[in-house]
Amino acid sequence: AHTRAQLAGVTWRVAGGLAALYLVLALLAWWTTRSLSRYA
């Protein structure tokens, strides 16, 4: 039970971190793509 609780907490933390990372990467990709499109 302790392990499952730990796993659940880690899962949420990893999911949240990945979501934040994906959001940052998406923003970076959007900004980079827009900059490259404008440059092109």
Full PDB file with SEQRES, HELIX, SHEET, SSBOND, CRYST1, ORIGX, SCALE, CONECT and MASTER records, all heavy atoms in Angstrom:
SEQRES   1 A   40  ALA HIS THR ARG ALA GLN LEU ALA GLY VAL THR TRP ARG          
SEQRES   2 A   40  VAL ALA GLY GLY LEU ALA ALA LEU TYR LEU VAL LEU ALA          
SEQRES   3 A   40  LEU LEU ALA TRP TRP THR THR ARG SER LEU SER ARG TYR          
SEQRES   4 A   40  ALA                                                          
HELIX    1 AA1 HIS A    2  TYR A   39  1                                  38    
CRYST1    1.000    1.000    1.000  90.00  90.00  90.00 P 1           1          
ORIGX1      1.000000  0.000000  0.000000        0.00000                         
ORIGX2      0.000000  1.000000  0.000000        0.00000                         
ORIGX3      0.000000  0.000000  1.000000        0.00000                         
SCALE1      1.000000  0.000000  0.000000        0.00000                         
SCALE2      0.000000  1.000000  0.000000        0.00000                         
SCALE3      0.000000  0.000000  1.000000        0.00000                         
ATOM      1  N   ALA A   1       0.842  -1.212   0.000  1.00  0.00           N  
ATOM      2  CA  ALA A   1       0.000   0.000   0.000  1.00  0.00           C  
ATOM      3  C   ALA A   1       0.868   1.249   0.000  1.00  0.00           C  
ATOM      4  O   ALA A   1       0.584   2.235  -0.698  1.00  0.00           O  
ATOM      5  CB  ALA A   1      -0.919  -0.025   1.210  1.00  0.00           C  
ATOM      6  N   HIS A   2       1.921   1.230   0.809  1.00  0.00           N  
ATOM      7  CA  HIS A   2       2.834   2.366   0.846  1.00  0.00           C  
ATOM      8  C   HIS A   2       3.486   2.573  -0.524  1.00  0.00           C  
ATOM      9  O   HIS A   2       3.640   3.712  -1.002  1.00  0.00           O  
ATOM     10  CB  HIS A   2       3.887   2.139   1.937  1.00  0.00           C  
ATOM     11  CG  HIS A   2       4.896   3.247   2.004  1.00  0.00           C  
ATOM     12  ND1 HIS A   2       4.596   4.491   2.498  1.00  0.00           N  
ATOM     13  CD2 HIS A   2       6.210   3.288   1.635  1.00  0.00           C  
ATOM     14  CE1 HIS A   2       5.655   5.261   2.435  1.00  0.00           C  
ATOM     15  NE2 HIS A   2       6.656   4.550   1.920  1.00  0.00           N  
ATOM     16  N   THR A   3       3.846   1.410  -1.130  1.00  0.00           N  
ATOM     17  CA  THR A   3       4.468   1.506  -2.458  1.00  0.00           C  
ATOM     18  C   THR A   3       3.497   2.076  -3.481  1.00  0.00           C  
ATOM     19  O   THR A   3       3.853   2.920  -4.311  1.00  0.00           O  
ATOM     20  CB  THR A   3       4.936   0.115  -2.910  1.00  0.00           C  
ATOM     21  OG1 THR A   3       5.885  -0.387  -1.952  1.00  0.00           O  
ATOM     22  CG2 THR A   3       5.577   0.165  -4.286  1.00  0.00           C  
ATOM     23  N   ARG A   4       2.224   1.613  -3.411  1.00  0.00           N  
ATOM     24  CA  ARG A   4       1.234   2.140  -4.352  1.00  0.00           C  
ATOM     25  C   ARG A   4       1.016   3.645  -4.159  1.00  0.00           C  
ATOM     26  O   ARG A   4       0.877   4.397  -5.113  1.00  0.00           O  
ATOM     27  CB  ARG A   4      -0.082   1.379  -4.205  1.00  0.00           C  
ATOM     28  CG  ARG A   4      -0.050  -0.011  -4.809  1.00  0.00           C  
ATOM     29  CD  ARG A   4      -1.451  -0.598  -4.915  1.00  0.00           C  
ATOM     30  NE  ARG A   4      -2.039  -0.806  -3.599  1.00  0.00           N  
ATOM     31  CZ  ARG A   4      -1.881  -1.946  -2.899  1.00  0.00           C  
ATOM     32  NH1 ARG A   4      -1.156  -2.936  -3.406  1.00  0.00           N  
ATOM     33  NH2 ARG A   4      -2.453  -2.101  -1.718  1.00  0.00           N  
ATOM     34  N   ALA A   5       0.981   4.058  -2.889  1.00  0.00           N  
ATOM     35  CA  ALA A   5       0.827   5.493  -2.631  1.00  0.00           C  
ATOM     36  C   ALA A   5       2.017   6.269  -3.173  1.00  0.00           C  
ATOM     37  O   ALA A   5       1.881   7.352  -3.759  1.00  0.00           O  
ATOM     38  CB  ALA A   5       0.661   5.727  -1.131  1.00  0.00           C  
ATOM     39  N   GLN A   6       3.200   5.652  -2.972  1.00  0.00           N  
ATOM     40  CA  GLN A   6       4.410   6.299  -3.480  1.00  0.00           C  
ATOM     41  C   GLN A   6       4.360   6.387  -4.997  1.00  0.00           C  
ATOM     42  O   GLN A   6       4.677   7.426  -5.597  1.00  0.00           O  
ATOM     43  CB  GLN A   6       5.640   5.483  -3.047  1.00  0.00           C  
ATOM     44  CG  GLN A   6       6.594   6.293  -2.176  1.00  0.00           C  
ATOM     45  CD  GLN A   6       7.850   5.491  -1.858  1.00  0.00           C  
ATOM     46  OE1 GLN A   6       7.825   4.258  -1.806  1.00  0.00           O  
ATOM     47  NE2 GLN A   6       8.913   6.189  -1.642  1.00  0.00           N  
ATOM     48  N   LEU A   7       3.946   5.241  -5.594  1.00  0.00           N  
ATOM     49  CA  LEU A   7       3.868   5.226  -7.050  1.00  0.00           C  
ATOM     50  C   LEU A   7       2.848   6.232  -7.566  1.00  0.00           C  
ATOM     51  O   LEU A   7       3.071   6.905  -8.592  1.00  0.00           O  
ATOM     52  CB  LEU A   7       3.507   3.823  -7.542  1.00  0.00           C  
ATOM     53  CG  LEU A   7       4.637   2.775  -7.468  1.00  0.00           C  
ATOM     54  CD1 LEU A   7       4.095   1.402  -7.827  1.00  0.00           C  
ATOM     55  CD2 LEU A   7       5.765   3.167  -8.413  1.00  0.00           C  
ATOM     56  N   ALA A   8       1.719   6.323  -6.873  1.00  0.00           N  
ATOM     57  CA  ALA A   8       0.704   7.292  -7.297  1.00  0.00           C  
ATOM     58  C   ALA A   8       1.246   8.712  -7.219  1.00  0.00           C  
ATOM     59  O   ALA A   8       1.058   9.535  -8.130  1.00  0.00           O  
ATOM     60  CB  ALA A   8      -0.542   7.139  -6.444  1.00  0.00           C  
ATOM     61  N   GLY A   9       1.936   9.024  -6.109  1.00  0.00           N  
ATOM     62  CA  GLY A   9       2.514  10.368  -5.981  1.00  0.00           C  
ATOM     63  C   GLY A   9       3.547  10.655  -7.053  1.00  0.00           C  
ATOM     64  O   GLY A   9       3.570  11.740  -7.669  1.00  0.00           O  
ATOM     65  N   VAL A  10       4.402   9.644  -7.289  1.00  0.00           N  
ATOM     66  CA  VAL A  10       5.432   9.827  -8.315  1.00  0.00           C  
ATOM     67  C   VAL A  10       4.786   9.987  -9.682  1.00  0.00           C  
ATOM     68  O   VAL A  10       5.214  10.809 -10.507  1.00  0.00           O  
ATOM     69  CB  VAL A  10       6.409   8.628  -8.286  1.00  0.00           C  
ATOM     70  CG1 VAL A  10       7.312   8.657  -9.519  1.00  0.00           C  
ATOM     71  CG2 VAL A  10       7.241   8.667  -7.017  1.00  0.00           C  
ATOM     72  N   THR A  11       3.737   9.154  -9.900  1.00  0.00           N  
ATOM     73  CA  THR A  11       3.063   9.242 -11.206  1.00  0.00           C  
ATOM     74  C   THR A  11       2.500  10.632 -11.450  1.00  0.00           C  
ATOM     75  O   THR A  11       2.665  11.212 -12.530  1.00  0.00           O  
ATOM     76  CB  THR A  11       1.942   8.197 -11.292  1.00  0.00           C  
ATOM     77  OG1 THR A  11       2.504   6.890 -11.122  1.00  0.00           O  
ATOM     78  CG2 THR A  11       1.214   8.280 -12.630  1.00  0.00           C  
ATOM     79  N   TRP A  12       1.839  11.172 -10.432  1.00  0.00           N  
ATOM     80  CA  TRP A  12       1.287  12.519 -10.588  1.00  0.00           C  
ATOM     81  C   TRP A  12       2.392  13.553 -10.758  1.00  0.00           C  
ATOM     82  O   TRP A  12       2.254  14.482 -11.561  1.00  0.00           O  
ATOM     83  CB  TRP A  12       0.417  12.869  -9.386  1.00  0.00           C  
ATOM     84  CG  TRP A  12      -0.936  12.233  -9.446  1.00  0.00           C  
ATOM     85  CD1 TRP A  12      -1.414  11.213  -8.691  1.00  0.00           C  
ATOM     86  CD2 TRP A  12      -1.978  12.608 -10.353  1.00  0.00           C  
ATOM     87  NE1 TRP A  12      -2.696  10.896  -9.044  1.00  0.00           N  
ATOM     88  CE2 TRP A  12      -3.082  11.742 -10.087  1.00  0.00           C  
ATOM     89  CE3 TRP A  12      -2.113  13.550 -11.358  1.00  0.00           C  
ATOM     90  CZ2 TRP A  12      -4.274  11.813 -10.775  1.00  0.00           C  
ATOM     91  CZ3 TRP A  12      -3.305  13.622 -12.054  1.00  0.00           C  
ATOM     92  CH2 TRP A  12      -4.369  12.770 -11.774  1.00  0.00           C  
ATOM     93  N   ARG A  13       3.458  13.385  -9.958  1.00  0.00           N  
ATOM     94  CA  ARG A  13       4.557  14.363 -10.092  1.00  0.00           C  
ATOM     95  C   ARG A  13       5.217  14.271 -11.468  1.00  0.00           C  
ATOM     96  O   ARG A  13       5.515  15.288 -12.105  1.00  0.00           O  
ATOM     97  CB  ARG A  13       5.593  14.141  -8.987  1.00  0.00           C  
ATOM     98  CG  ARG A  13       5.127  14.610  -7.614  1.00  0.00           C  
ATOM     99  CD  ARG A  13       6.284  14.656  -6.632  1.00  0.00           C  
ATOM    100  NE  ARG A  13       6.786  13.308  -6.338  1.00  0.00           N  
ATOM    101  CZ  ARG A  13       6.299  12.550  -5.368  1.00  0.00           C  
ATOM    102  NH1 ARG A  13       5.276  12.978  -4.628  1.00  0.00           N  
ATOM    103  NH2 ARG A  13       6.815  11.353  -5.146  1.00  0.00           N  
ATOM    104  N   VAL A  14       5.443  13.026 -11.919  1.00  0.00           N  
ATOM    105  CA  VAL A  14       6.040  12.865 -13.248  1.00  0.00           C  
ATOM    106  C   VAL A  14       5.110  13.392 -14.333  1.00  0.00           C  
ATOM    107  O   VAL A  14       5.526  14.081 -15.268  1.00  0.00           O  
ATOM    108  CB  VAL A  14       6.381  11.377 -13.498  1.00  0.00           C  
ATOM    109  CG1 VAL A  14       6.775  11.159 -14.961  1.00  0.00           C  
ATOM    110  CG2 VAL A  14       7.518  10.938 -12.588  1.00  0.00           C  
ATOM    111  N   ALA A  15       3.804  13.049 -14.183  1.00  0.00           N  
ATOM    112  CA  ALA A  15       2.841  13.529 -15.179  1.00  0.00           C  
ATOM    113  C   ALA A  15       2.784  15.051 -15.199  1.00  0.00           C  
ATOM    114  O   ALA A  15       2.762  15.684 -16.269  1.00  0.00           O  
ATOM    115  CB  ALA A  15       1.462  12.940 -14.888  1.00  0.00           C  
ATOM    116  N   GLY A  16       2.761  15.638 -14.003  1.00  0.00           N  
ATOM    117  CA  GLY A  16       2.738  17.103 -13.955  1.00  0.00           C  
ATOM    118  C   GLY A  16       4.008  17.704 -14.533  1.00  0.00           C  
ATOM    119  O   GLY A  16       3.971  18.697 -15.276  1.00  0.00           O  
ATOM    120  N   GLY A  17       5.151  17.102 -14.163  1.00  0.00           N  
ATOM    121  CA  GLY A  17       6.415  17.608 -14.703  1.00  0.00           C  
ATOM    122  C   GLY A  17       6.482  17.465 -16.215  1.00  0.00           C  
ATOM    123  O   GLY A  17       6.926  18.375 -16.917  1.00  0.00           O  
ATOM    124  N   LEU A  18       6.026  16.274 -16.683  1.00  0.00           N  
ATOM    125  CA  LEU A  18       6.035  16.078 -18.137  1.00  0.00           C  
ATOM    126  C   LEU A  18       5.076  17.028 -18.825  1.00  0.00           C  
ATOM    127  O   LEU A  18       5.365  17.554 -19.908  1.00  0.00           O  
ATOM    128  CB  LEU A  18       5.666  14.632 -18.463  1.00  0.00           C  
ATOM    129  CG  LEU A  18       6.720  13.572 -18.110  1.00  0.00           C  
ATOM    130  CD1 LEU A  18       6.182  12.186 -18.417  1.00  0.00           C  
ATOM    131  CD2 LEU A  18       8.006  13.821 -18.878  1.00  0.00           C  
ATOM    132  N   ALA A  19       3.917  17.248 -18.223  1.00  0.00           N  
ATOM    133  CA  ALA A  19       2.954  18.182 -18.820  1.00  0.00           C  
ATOM    134  C   ALA A  19       3.560  19.583 -18.899  1.00  0.00           C  
ATOM    135  O   ALA A  19       3.441  20.285 -19.917  1.00  0.00           O  
ATOM    136  CB  ALA A  19       1.664  18.202 -18.012  1.00  0.00           C  
ATOM    137  N   ALA A  20       4.214  19.993 -17.780  1.00  0.00           N  
ATOM    138  CA  ALA A  20       4.869  21.304 -17.796  1.00  0.00           C  
ATOM    139  C   ALA A  20       5.979  21.345 -18.838  1.00  0.00           C  
ATOM    140  O   ALA A  20       6.147  22.332 -19.567  1.00  0.00           O  
ATOM    141  CB  ALA A  20       5.422  21.629 -16.405  1.00  0.00           C  
ATOM    142  N   LEU A  21       6.748  20.218 -18.903  1.00  0.00           N  
ATOM    143  CA  LEU A  21       7.825  20.159 -19.888  1.00  0.00           C  
ATOM    144  C   LEU A  21       7.258  20.230 -21.301  1.00  0.00           C  
ATOM    145  O   LEU A  21       7.775  20.962 -22.161  1.00  0.00           O  
ATOM    146  CB  LEU A  21       8.614  18.859 -19.695  1.00  0.00           C  
ATOM    147  CG  LEU A  21       9.727  18.589 -20.713  1.00  0.00           C  
ATOM    148  CD1 LEU A  21      10.791  19.668 -20.644  1.00  0.00           C  
ATOM    149  CD2 LEU A  21      10.333  17.211 -20.488  1.00  0.00           C  
ATOM    150  N   TYR A  22       6.180  19.448 -21.539  1.00  0.00           N  
ATOM    151  CA  TYR A  22       5.569  19.474 -22.861  1.00  0.00           C  
ATOM    152  C   TYR A  22       5.037  20.864 -23.206  1.00  0.00           C  
ATOM    153  O   TYR A  22       5.130  21.317 -24.340  1.00  0.00           O  
ATOM    154  CB  TYR A  22       4.427  18.465 -22.942  1.00  0.00           C  
ATOM    155  CG  TYR A  22       4.883  17.027 -22.835  1.00  0.00           C  
ATOM    156  CD1 TYR A  22       4.015  16.030 -22.402  1.00  0.00           C  
ATOM    157  CD2 TYR A  22       6.184  16.658 -23.170  1.00  0.00           C  
ATOM    158  CE1 TYR A  22       4.427  14.710 -22.311  1.00  0.00           C  
ATOM    159  CE2 TYR A  22       6.596  15.341 -23.071  1.00  0.00           C  
ATOM    160  CZ  TYR A  22       5.724  14.366 -22.631  1.00  0.00           C  
ATOM    161  OH  TYR A  22       6.121  13.077 -22.547  1.00  0.00           O  
ATOM    162  N   LEU A  23       4.485  21.534 -22.194  1.00  0.00           N  
ATOM    163  CA  LEU A  23       3.975  22.886 -22.429  1.00  0.00           C  
ATOM    164  C   LEU A  23       5.109  23.826 -22.801  1.00  0.00           C  
ATOM    165  O   LEU A  23       5.011  24.611 -23.754  1.00  0.00           O  
ATOM    166  CB  LEU A  23       3.246  23.389 -21.180  1.00  0.00           C  
ATOM    167  CG  LEU A  23       2.695  24.818 -21.262  1.00  0.00           C  
ATOM    168  CD1 LEU A  23       1.681  24.929 -22.405  1.00  0.00           C  
ATOM    169  CD2 LEU A  23       2.063  25.222 -19.936  1.00  0.00           C  
ATOM    170  N   VAL A  24       6.209  23.735 -22.045  1.00  0.00           N  
ATOM    171  CA  VAL A  24       7.370  24.587 -22.348  1.00  0.00           C  
ATOM    172  C   VAL A  24       7.914  24.252 -23.725  1.00  0.00           C  
ATOM    173  O   VAL A  24       8.228  25.143 -24.537  1.00  0.00           O  
ATOM    174  CB  VAL A  24       8.448  24.411 -21.266  1.00  0.00           C  
ATOM    175  CG1 VAL A  24       9.736  25.131 -21.683  1.00  0.00           C  
ATOM    176  CG2 VAL A  24       7.964  24.949 -19.935  1.00  0.00           C  
ATOM    177  N   LEU A  25       8.031  22.925 -24.006  1.00  0.00           N  
ATOM    178  CA  LEU A  25       8.540  22.526 -25.324  1.00  0.00           C  
ATOM    179  C   LEU A  25       7.603  22.973 -26.434  1.00  0.00           C  
ATOM    180  O   LEU A  25       8.043  23.383 -27.506  1.00  0.00           O  
ATOM    181  CB  LEU A  25       8.712  21.006 -25.369  1.00  0.00           C  
ATOM    182  CG  LEU A  25       9.845  20.432 -24.512  1.00  0.00           C  
ATOM    183  CD1 LEU A  25       9.848  18.914 -24.607  1.00  0.00           C  
ATOM    184  CD2 LEU A  25      11.194  20.990 -24.948  1.00  0.00           C  
ATOM    185  N   ALA A  26       6.298  22.864 -26.159  1.00  0.00           N  
ATOM    186  CA  ALA A  26       5.330  23.313 -27.170  1.00  0.00           C  
ATOM    187  C   ALA A  26       5.464  24.809 -27.424  1.00  0.00           C  
ATOM    188  O   ALA A  26       5.424  25.262 -28.574  1.00  0.00           O  
ATOM    189  CB  ALA A  26       3.915  22.969 -26.716  1.00  0.00           C  
ATOM    190  N   LEU A  27       5.625  25.584 -26.325  1.00  0.00           N  
ATOM    191  CA  LEU A  27       5.815  27.027 -26.490  1.00  0.00           C  
ATOM    192  C   LEU A  27       7.105  27.321 -27.256  1.00  0.00           C  
ATOM    193  O   LEU A  27       7.141  28.182 -28.145  1.00  0.00           O  
ATOM    194  CB  LEU A  27       5.836  27.716 -25.126  1.00  0.00           C  
ATOM    195  CG  LEU A  27       4.493  27.748 -24.382  1.00  0.00           C  
ATOM    196  CD1 LEU A  27       4.681  28.308 -22.980  1.00  0.00           C  
ATOM    197  CD2 LEU A  27       3.472  28.579 -25.151  1.00  0.00           C  
ATOM    198  N   LEU A  28       8.167  26.591 -26.874  1.00  0.00           N  
ATOM    199  CA  LEU A  28       9.427  26.790 -27.578  1.00  0.00           C  
ATOM    200  C   LEU A  28       9.309  26.408 -29.047  1.00  0.00           C  
ATOM    201  O   LEU A  28       9.806  27.110 -29.936  1.00  0.00           O  
ATOM    202  CB  LEU A  28      10.537  25.959 -26.913  1.00  0.00           C  
ATOM    203  CG  LEU A  28      11.055  26.454 -25.561  1.00  0.00           C  
ATOM    204  CD1 LEU A  28      12.030  25.452 -24.973  1.00  0.00           C  
ATOM    205  CD2 LEU A  28      11.736  27.813 -25.708  1.00  0.00           C  
ATOM    206  N   ALA A  29       8.652  25.281 -29.301  1.00  0.00           N  
ATOM    207  CA  ALA A  29       8.472  24.845 -30.688  1.00  0.00           C  
ATOM    208  C   ALA A  29       7.630  25.844 -31.463  1.00  0.00           C  
ATOM    209  O   ALA A  29       7.942  26.171 -32.625  1.00  0.00           O  
ATOM    210  CB  ALA A  29       7.819  23.459 -30.713  1.00  0.00           C  
ATOM    211  N   TRP A  30       6.564  26.335 -30.835  1.00  0.00           N  
ATOM    212  CA  TRP A  30       5.707  27.326 -31.507  1.00  0.00           C  
ATOM    213  C   TRP A  30       6.489  28.599 -31.798  1.00  0.00           C  
ATOM    214  O   TRP A  30       6.440  29.131 -32.911  1.00  0.00           O  
ATOM    215  CB  TRP A  30       4.500  27.626 -30.629  1.00  0.00           C  
ATOM    216  CG  TRP A  30       3.680  28.786 -31.135  1.00  0.00           C  
ATOM    217  CD1 TRP A  30       2.780  28.775 -32.151  1.00  0.00           C  
ATOM    218  CD2 TRP A  30       3.732  30.137 -30.649  1.00  0.00           C  
ATOM    219  NE1 TRP A  30       2.249  30.032 -32.329  1.00  0.00           N  
ATOM    220  CE2 TRP A  30       2.814  30.893 -31.427  1.00  0.00           C  
ATOM    221  CE3 TRP A  30       4.453  30.769 -29.637  1.00  0.00           C  
ATOM    222  CZ2 TRP A  30       2.620  32.238 -31.205  1.00  0.00           C  
ATOM    223  CZ3 TRP A  30       4.252  32.115 -29.433  1.00  0.00           C  
ATOM    224  CH2 TRP A  30       3.353  32.841 -30.207  1.00  0.00           C  
ATOM    225  N   TRP A  31       7.237  29.072 -30.791  1.00  0.00           N  
ATOM    226  CA  TRP A  31       8.000  30.311 -30.982  1.00  0.00           C  
ATOM    227  C   TRP A  31       9.085  30.113 -32.036  1.00  0.00           C  
ATOM    228  O   TRP A  31       9.296  30.961 -32.901  1.00  0.00           O  
ATOM    229  CB  TRP A  31       8.619  30.717 -29.646  1.00  0.00           C  
ATOM    230  CG  TRP A  31       9.436  31.985 -29.744  1.00  0.00           C  
ATOM    231  CD1 TRP A  31       8.988  33.264 -29.696  1.00  0.00           C  
ATOM    232  CD2 TRP A  31      10.856  32.068 -29.922  1.00  0.00           C  
ATOM    233  NE1 TRP A  31      10.030  34.146 -29.831  1.00  0.00           N  
ATOM    234  CE2 TRP A  31      11.186  33.431 -29.974  1.00  0.00           C  
ATOM    235  CE3 TRP A  31      11.863  31.115 -30.036  1.00  0.00           C  
ATOM    236  CZ2 TRP A  31      12.497  33.862 -30.138  1.00  0.00           C  
ATOM    237  CZ3 TRP A  31      13.162  31.548 -30.205  1.00  0.00           C  
ATOM    238  CH2 TRP A  31      13.473  32.901 -30.250  1.00  0.00           C  
ATOM    239  N   THR A  32       9.779  28.955 -31.959  1.00  0.00           N  
ATOM    240  CA  THR A  32      10.842  28.693 -32.923  1.00  0.00           C  
ATOM    241  C   THR A  32      10.277  28.546 -34.327  1.00  0.00           C  
ATOM    242  O   THR A  32      10.823  29.094 -35.292  1.00  0.00           O  
ATOM    243  CB  THR A  32      11.600  27.409 -32.530  1.00  0.00           C  
ATOM    244  OG1 THR A  32      12.099  27.546 -31.196  1.00  0.00           O  
ATOM    245  CG2 THR A  32      12.759  27.155 -33.482  1.00  0.00           C  
ATOM    246  N   THR A  33       9.166  27.811 -34.432  1.00  0.00           N  
ATOM    247  CA  THR A  33       8.547  27.629 -35.745  1.00  0.00           C  
ATOM    248  C   THR A  33       8.086  28.952 -36.328  1.00  0.00           C  
ATOM    249  O   THR A  33       8.287  29.238 -37.515  1.00  0.00           O  
ATOM    250  CB  THR A  33       7.358  26.661 -35.640  1.00  0.00           C  
ATOM    251  OG1 THR A  33       7.811  25.421 -35.095  1.00  0.00           O  
ATOM    252  CG2 THR A  33       6.731  26.420 -37.001  1.00  0.00           C  
ATOM    253  N   ARG A  34       7.471  29.781 -35.465  1.00  0.00           N  
ATOM    254  CA  ARG A  34       7.023  31.085 -35.950  1.00  0.00           C  
ATOM    255  C   ARG A  34       8.211  31.940 -36.373  1.00  0.00           C  
ATOM    256  O   ARG A  34       8.180  32.612 -37.427  1.00  0.00           O  
ATOM    257  CB  ARG A  34       6.229  31.802 -34.860  1.00  0.00           C  
ATOM    258  CG  ARG A  34       5.574  33.089 -35.350  1.00  0.00           C  
ATOM    259  CD  ARG A  34       4.835  33.810 -34.251  1.00  0.00           C  
ATOM    260  NE  ARG A  34       5.736  34.288 -33.200  1.00  0.00           N  
ATOM    261  CZ  ARG A  34       5.389  35.167 -32.267  1.00  0.00           C  
ATOM    262  NH1 ARG A  34       4.159  35.619 -32.235  1.00  0.00           N  
ATOM    263  NH2 ARG A  34       6.244  35.549 -31.351  1.00  0.00           N  
ATOM    264  N   SER A  35       9.294  31.917 -35.570  1.00  0.00           N  
ATOM    265  CA  SER A  35      10.484  32.697 -35.914  1.00  0.00           C  
ATOM    266  C   SER A  35      11.098  32.210 -37.213  1.00  0.00           C  
ATOM    267  O   SER A  35      11.479  33.008 -38.081  1.00  0.00           O  
ATOM    268  CB  SER A  35      11.515  32.623 -34.785  1.00  0.00           C  
ATOM    269  OG  SER A  35      10.998  33.161 -33.590  1.00  0.00           O  
ATOM    270  N   LEU A  36      11.188  30.865 -37.353  1.00  0.00           N  
ATOM    271  CA  LEU A  36      11.755  30.324 -38.582  1.00  0.00           C  
ATOM    272  C   LEU A  36      10.859  30.634 -39.779  1.00  0.00           C  
ATOM    273  O   LEU A  36      11.360  30.923 -40.869  1.00  0.00           O  
ATOM    274  CB  LEU A  36      11.936  28.814 -38.443  1.00  0.00           C  
ATOM    275  CG  LEU A  36      13.041  28.349 -37.486  1.00  0.00           C  
ATOM    276  CD1 LEU A  36      13.029  26.842 -37.363  1.00  0.00           C  
ATOM    277  CD2 LEU A  36      14.408  28.825 -37.977  1.00  0.00           C  
ATOM    278  N   SER A  37       9.541  30.576 -39.568  1.00  0.00           N  
ATOM    279  CA  SER A  37       8.622  30.900 -40.663  1.00  0.00           C  
ATOM    280  C   SER A  37       8.769  32.356 -41.076  1.00  0.00           C  
ATOM    281  O   SER A  37       8.802  32.674 -42.272  1.00  0.00           O  
ATOM    282  CB  SER A  37       7.180  30.605 -40.240  1.00  0.00           C  
ATOM    283  OG  SER A  37       7.008  29.246 -39.926  1.00  0.00           O  
ATOM    284  N   ARG A  38       8.855  33.229 -40.066  1.00  0.00           N  
ATOM    285  CA  ARG A  38       9.035  34.651 -40.389  1.00  0.00           C  
ATOM    286  C   ARG A  38      10.370  34.889 -41.081  1.00  0.00           C  
ATOM    287  O   ARG A  38      10.464  35.661 -42.038  1.00  0.00           O  
ATOM    288  CB  ARG A  38       8.946  35.491 -39.110  1.00  0.00           C  
ATOM    289  CG  ARG A  38       7.542  35.575 -38.532  1.00  0.00           C  
ATOM    290  CD  ARG A  38       7.527  36.421 -37.274  1.00  0.00           C  
ATOM    291  NE  ARG A  38       6.179  36.606 -36.765  1.00  0.00           N  
ATOM    292  CZ  ARG A  38       5.897  37.268 -35.662  1.00  0.00           C  
ATOM    293  NH1 ARG A  38       6.883  37.789 -34.930  1.00  0.00           N  
ATOM    294  NH2 ARG A  38       4.634  37.404 -35.254  1.00  0.00           N  
ATOM    295  N   TYR A  39      11.414  34.212 -40.577  1.00  0.00           N  
ATOM    296  CA  TYR A  39      12.726  34.363 -41.199  1.00  0.00           C  
ATOM    297  C   TYR A  39      12.700  33.860 -42.636  1.00  0.00           C  
ATOM    298  O   TYR A  39      13.229  34.508 -43.544  1.00  0.00           O  
ATOM    299  CB  TYR A  39      13.769  33.598 -40.384  1.00  0.00           C  
ATOM    300  CG  TYR A  39      15.145  33.609 -40.995  1.00  0.00           C  
ATOM    301  CD1 TYR A  39      15.960  34.725 -40.895  1.00  0.00           C  
ATOM    302  CD2 TYR A  39      15.628  32.497 -41.680  1.00  0.00           C  
ATOM    303  CE1 TYR A  39      17.214  34.741 -41.459  1.00  0.00           C  
ATOM    304  CE2 TYR A  39      16.882  32.494 -42.247  1.00  0.00           C  
ATOM    305  CZ  TYR A  39      17.683  33.624 -42.128  1.00  0.00           C  
ATOM    306  OH  TYR A  39      18.925  33.625 -42.696  1.00  0.00           O  
ATOM    307  N   ALA A  40      12.068  32.679 -42.831  1.00  0.00           N  
ATOM    308  CA  ALA A  40      11.975  32.140 -44.187  1.00  0.00           C  
ATOM    309  C   ALA A  40      11.168  33.072 -45.091  1.00  0.00           C  
ATOM    310  O   ALA A  40      11.519  33.275 -46.259  1.00  0.00           O  
ATOM    311  CB  ALA A  40      11.339  30.750 -44.155  1.00  0.00           C  
TER     312      ALA A  40                                                      
MASTER        0    0    0    1    0    0    0    6  311    1    0    4          
END                                                                             
